[in-house]
Every structure is written in structure tokens, then in C-alpha cells.
Amino acid sequence: MNETVQERIFFIDQLNEEFLSHTGYGAYAYLNTFESVKLFNEFNEQELPANQFIKDYVNHYFR
């Protein structure tokens, strides 16, 4: 498994945990696989750490 795949898996796991802590449901109750991978790609194009990017995304998702 290459480094990018490992980073994507870790990112999606963090995303899932953040949704779970806010709603009681994981990320896939709200996002499909394509959307999760697209979000990972957006994360890679910016400077925030993963935990902050994910928190901001989840908070914005529920506004």
C-alpha cells in the first residue's frame, strides 16, 4: 500500500469519527465514497492539518 493510500484511509477514518461524534452516525450516512475521496483531494490542496480541516468541514456541513 503506498503512502497516499494510507493517508487517504487515515483521513477518511478521522472524517468518520468526526461525523460519529457529532451525529451518532459515521461519515457514510452523509457522504458516499466518491465524495469522501474528493474531500481528501481538497484537503491535499490546502494547508490546514487534517483534524482542523475535518472539523471545519463537518461544522460547515451541518449549518
N, C-alpha and C. Protein backbone atom coordinates (compact mmCIF):
# COMPACT_ATOMS: atom_id res chain seq x y z
N MET A 1 0.85 -1.16 0.00
CA MET A 1 0.00 0.00 0.00
C MET A 1 0.91 1.24 0.00
N ASN A 2 0.68 2.15 -0.94
CA ASN A 2 1.54 3.33 -1.00
C ASN A 2 1.12 4.38 0.03
N GLU A 3 1.94 5.39 0.19
CA GLU A 3 1.74 6.40 1.23
C GLU A 3 0.44 7.18 1.04
N THR A 4 0.10 7.53 -0.19
CA THR A 4 -1.14 8.27 -0.45
C THR A 4 -2.36 7.47 -0.05
N VAL A 5 -2.36 6.20 -0.34
CA VAL A 5 -3.49 5.34 0.03
C VAL A 5 -3.60 5.28 1.55
N GLN A 6 -2.50 5.14 2.24
CA GLN A 6 -2.52 5.11 3.70
C GLN A 6 -3.03 6.43 4.28
N GLU A 7 -2.58 7.54 3.71
CA GLU A 7 -3.04 8.85 4.16
C GLU A 7 -4.54 9.01 3.93
N ARG A 8 -5.03 8.54 2.78
CA ARG A 8 -6.46 8.63 2.47
C ARG A 8 -7.27 7.80 3.46
N ILE A 9 -6.82 6.62 3.76
CA ILE A 9 -7.51 5.75 4.72
C ILE A 9 -7.57 6.42 6.08
N PHE A 10 -6.45 6.98 6.53
CA PHE A 10 -6.40 7.66 7.82
C PHE A 10 -7.33 8.88 7.83
N PHE A 11 -7.32 9.66 6.75
CA PHE A 11 -8.17 10.84 6.63
C PHE A 11 -9.64 10.45 6.71
N ILE A 12 -10.05 9.44 5.96
CA ILE A 12 -11.45 9.02 5.95
C ILE A 12 -11.85 8.45 7.31
N ASP A 13 -10.93 7.78 7.98
CA ASP A 13 -11.21 7.29 9.32
C ASP A 13 -11.45 8.47 10.28
N GLN A 14 -10.63 9.51 10.20
CA GLN A 14 -10.83 10.70 11.02
C GLN A 14 -12.15 11.38 10.68
N LEU A 15 -12.48 11.46 9.40
CA LEU A 15 -13.73 12.05 8.95
C LEU A 15 -14.91 11.28 9.53
N ASN A 16 -14.83 9.97 9.48
CA ASN A 16 -15.88 9.12 10.02
C ASN A 16 -16.06 9.37 11.52
N GLU A 17 -14.96 9.44 12.25
CA GLU A 17 -15.02 9.68 13.70
C GLU A 17 -15.64 11.04 14.02
N GLU A 18 -15.32 12.05 13.23
CA GLU A 18 -15.87 13.38 13.48
C GLU A 18 -17.38 13.41 13.26
N PHE A 19 -17.84 12.79 12.18
CA PHE A 19 -19.28 12.69 11.95
C PHE A 19 -19.94 11.90 13.08
N LEU A 20 -19.31 10.82 13.48
CA LEU A 20 -19.85 9.97 14.54
C LEU A 20 -19.98 10.75 15.84
N SER A 21 -18.99 11.55 16.18
CA SER A 21 -19.04 12.30 17.43
C SER A 21 -20.09 13.41 17.40
N HIS A 22 -20.40 13.94 16.20
CA HIS A 22 -21.40 15.00 16.09
C HIS A 22 -22.82 14.47 15.97
N THR A 23 -22.98 13.31 15.36
CA THR A 23 -24.33 12.87 15.00
C THR A 23 -24.71 11.49 15.51
N GLY A 24 -23.72 10.69 15.86
CA GLY A 24 -24.00 9.30 16.22
C GLY A 24 -23.98 8.39 15.01
N TYR A 25 -23.75 8.96 13.84
CA TYR A 25 -23.65 8.19 12.59
C TYR A 25 -22.33 8.52 11.92
N GLY A 26 -21.74 7.53 11.26
CA GLY A 26 -20.49 7.75 10.56
C GLY A 26 -20.65 8.57 9.30
N ALA A 27 -19.53 8.90 8.69
CA ALA A 27 -19.50 9.75 7.50
C ALA A 27 -20.33 9.19 6.36
N TYR A 28 -20.36 7.86 6.22
CA TYR A 28 -21.07 7.29 5.08
C TYR A 28 -22.58 7.34 5.20
N ALA A 29 -23.08 7.81 6.34
CA ALA A 29 -24.51 8.10 6.44
C ALA A 29 -24.83 9.40 5.70
N TYR A 30 -23.79 10.20 5.44
CA TYR A 30 -23.96 11.51 4.82
C TYR A 30 -23.24 11.66 3.48
N LEU A 31 -22.12 10.97 3.33
CA LEU A 31 -21.29 11.09 2.13
C LEU A 31 -21.11 9.73 1.49
N ASN A 32 -20.99 9.73 0.16
CA ASN A 32 -20.65 8.48 -0.50
C ASN A 32 -19.12 8.40 -0.66
N THR A 33 -18.65 7.30 -1.15
CA THR A 33 -17.20 7.09 -1.27
C THR A 33 -16.56 8.14 -2.16
N PHE A 34 -17.19 8.46 -3.27
CA PHE A 34 -16.65 9.46 -4.20
C PHE A 34 -16.48 10.80 -3.50
N GLU A 35 -17.49 11.21 -2.72
CA GLU A 35 -17.41 12.49 -2.01
C GLU A 35 -16.30 12.50 -0.97
N SER A 36 -16.09 11.38 -0.31
CA SER A 36 -15.02 11.28 0.69
C SER A 36 -13.65 11.40 0.04
N VAL A 37 -13.46 10.74 -1.08
CA VAL A 37 -12.18 10.81 -1.80
C VAL A 37 -11.97 12.22 -2.35
N LYS A 38 -13.03 12.84 -2.86
CA LYS A 38 -12.94 14.21 -3.36
C LYS A 38 -12.55 15.16 -2.22
N LEU A 39 -13.12 14.96 -1.05
CA LEU A 39 -12.78 15.78 0.10
C LEU A 39 -11.31 15.59 0.49
N PHE A 40 -10.82 14.35 0.43
CA PHE A 40 -9.41 14.08 0.69
C PHE A 40 -8.53 14.84 -0.30
N ASN A 41 -8.92 14.85 -1.57
CA ASN A 41 -8.14 15.58 -2.58
C ASN A 41 -8.14 17.08 -2.29
N GLU A 42 -9.29 17.62 -1.86
CA GLU A 42 -9.36 19.03 -1.48
C GLU A 42 -8.44 19.31 -0.29
N PHE A 43 -8.44 18.40 0.67
CA PHE A 43 -7.57 18.54 1.83
C PHE A 43 -6.10 18.63 1.39
N ASN A 44 -5.70 17.81 0.45
CA ASN A 44 -4.30 17.80 -0.01
C ASN A 44 -3.90 19.07 -0.72
N GLU A 45 -4.86 19.86 -1.17
CA GLU A 45 -4.56 21.09 -1.91
C GLU A 45 -4.53 22.33 -1.01
N GLN A 46 -4.61 22.16 0.28
CA GLN A 46 -4.61 23.29 1.19
C GLN A 46 -3.63 23.05 2.33
N GLU A 47 -3.57 23.97 3.29
CA GLU A 47 -2.51 23.94 4.31
C GLU A 47 -2.94 23.51 5.71
N LEU A 48 -4.23 23.46 6.01
CA LEU A 48 -4.68 23.10 7.36
C LEU A 48 -4.33 21.66 7.69
N PRO A 49 -4.07 21.37 8.97
CA PRO A 49 -3.90 19.96 9.37
C PRO A 49 -5.23 19.22 9.21
N ALA A 50 -5.15 17.92 9.08
CA ALA A 50 -6.33 17.10 8.80
C ALA A 50 -7.42 17.29 9.85
N ASN A 51 -7.05 17.27 11.12
CA ASN A 51 -8.09 17.37 12.15
C ASN A 51 -8.85 18.69 12.07
N GLN A 52 -8.16 19.80 11.80
CA GLN A 52 -8.84 21.09 11.68
C GLN A 52 -9.68 21.16 10.41
N PHE A 53 -9.15 20.68 9.30
CA PHE A 53 -9.89 20.66 8.04
C PHE A 53 -11.18 19.87 8.19
N ILE A 54 -11.10 18.72 8.83
CA ILE A 54 -12.26 17.85 9.02
C ILE A 54 -13.28 18.50 9.95
N LYS A 55 -12.83 19.06 11.06
CA LYS A 55 -13.75 19.74 11.99
C LYS A 55 -14.47 20.88 11.29
N ASP A 56 -13.73 21.68 10.53
CA ASP A 56 -14.34 22.79 9.80
C ASP A 56 -15.37 22.27 8.79
N TYR A 57 -15.02 21.20 8.09
CA TYR A 57 -15.93 20.65 7.09
C TYR A 57 -17.22 20.14 7.74
N VAL A 58 -17.11 19.39 8.81
CA VAL A 58 -18.29 18.82 9.48
C VAL A 58 -19.15 19.94 10.05
N ASN A 59 -18.53 20.92 10.68
CA ASN A 59 -19.30 22.05 11.22
C ASN A 59 -20.03 22.80 10.12
N HIS A 60 -19.36 23.00 8.99
CA HIS A 60 -19.99 23.69 7.85
C HIS A 60 -21.09 22.82 7.24
N TYR A 61 -20.90 21.53 7.22
CA TYR A 61 -21.88 20.61 6.64
C TYR A 61 -23.24 20.73 7.34
N PHE A 62 -23.23 20.97 8.64
CA PHE A 62 -24.47 21.00 9.42
C PHE A 62 -25.00 22.42 9.67
N ARG A 63 -24.49 23.40 9.00
CA ARG A 63 -25.03 24.77 9.11
C ARG A 63 -26.26 24.93 8.28
